[in-house]
Amino acid sequence: MLNFKLKTVKSISKRFKLTSKGKLLKHKSSRSHLLNKKTSNRKRQLRKVSIVNIRDRQNFINGMPYLY
């Protein structure tokens, strides 16, 4: 009998990182283009890394089976 490996969703694994406490880190959006109209303060805030909401974490767990 064959045991099949679960595939990791590569788009999720490239965009998100797991911390040692089990939280998921992500980069904020709206930082790639149309930066002239955004204020310096807003662009500075967009540089930061944020944590994925706990309620959304289940979607990522299904996409990365060997992460947890």
Protein backbone atom coordinates (compact mmCIF):
# COMPACT_ATOMS: atom_id res chain seq x y z
CA MET A 1 0.00 0.00 0.00
CA LEU A 2 1.31 3.42 -0.94
CA ASN A 3 1.43 6.29 1.51
CA PHE A 4 1.08 9.57 -0.30
CA LYS A 5 2.80 12.74 0.83
CA LEU A 6 0.74 15.88 1.27
CA LYS A 7 1.84 18.74 -0.94
CA THR A 8 2.68 22.14 0.49
CA VAL A 9 1.06 25.16 -1.17
CA LYS A 10 4.19 27.02 -2.30
CA SER A 11 2.52 30.42 -2.51
CA ILE A 12 1.71 30.22 1.21
CA SER A 13 5.16 28.98 2.20
CA LYS A 14 6.85 31.86 0.32
CA ARG A 15 4.66 34.59 1.82
CA PHE A 16 4.33 33.54 5.45
CA LYS A 17 6.76 32.60 8.20
CA LEU A 18 6.12 30.68 11.42
CA THR A 19 7.41 32.03 14.73
CA SER A 20 8.63 29.88 17.60
CA LYS A 21 5.34 30.46 19.45
CA GLY A 22 3.32 29.16 16.48
CA LYS A 23 2.13 32.51 15.10
CA LEU A 24 2.25 33.36 11.40
CA LEU A 25 4.04 36.48 10.20
CA LYS A 26 3.17 38.33 6.99
CA HIS A 27 4.22 41.48 5.18
CA LYS A 28 1.64 44.21 4.79
CA SER A 29 0.16 44.91 1.37
CA SER A 30 -0.03 48.17 -0.66
CA ARG A 31 3.73 48.70 -0.68
CA SER A 32 4.63 47.88 -4.27
CA HIS A 33 3.29 50.75 -6.39
CA LEU A 34 1.33 54.02 -6.32
CA LEU A 35 3.59 55.25 -3.51
CA ASN A 36 3.47 58.95 -4.47
CA LYS A 37 0.03 59.47 -3.00
CA LYS A 38 0.84 57.68 0.26
CA THR A 39 2.34 59.68 3.08
CA SER A 40 5.76 58.92 4.51
CA ASN A 41 4.19 57.87 7.78
CA ARG A 42 1.90 55.40 6.04
CA LYS A 43 4.76 53.93 3.97
CA ARG A 44 6.83 53.53 7.13
CA GLN A 45 3.99 51.65 8.82
CA LEU A 46 3.65 49.36 5.78
CA ARG A 47 7.28 48.28 6.15
CA LYS A 48 6.50 46.44 9.35
CA VAL A 49 5.68 42.77 9.64
CA SER A 50 2.28 41.89 11.07
CA ILE A 51 0.76 38.77 12.58
CA VAL A 52 -1.96 36.79 10.84
CA ASN A 53 -5.23 36.76 12.76
CA ILE A 54 -5.87 33.64 14.83
CA ARG A 55 -9.19 33.06 13.08
CA ASP A 56 -7.47 32.93 9.67
CA ARG A 57 -4.75 30.52 10.76
CA GLN A 58 -6.72 27.37 9.91
CA ASN A 59 -6.60 28.27 6.20
CA PHE A 60 -2.81 28.31 6.31
CA ILE A 61 -2.52 25.11 8.33
CA ASN A 62 -4.30 23.23 5.56
CA GLY A 63 -1.89 24.66 2.97
CA MET A 64 1.27 23.82 4.93
CA PRO A 65 0.74 20.33 6.34
CA TYR A 66 4.29 19.77 7.68
CA LEU A 67 4.71 23.14 9.35
CA TYR A 68 2.83 22.33 12.57
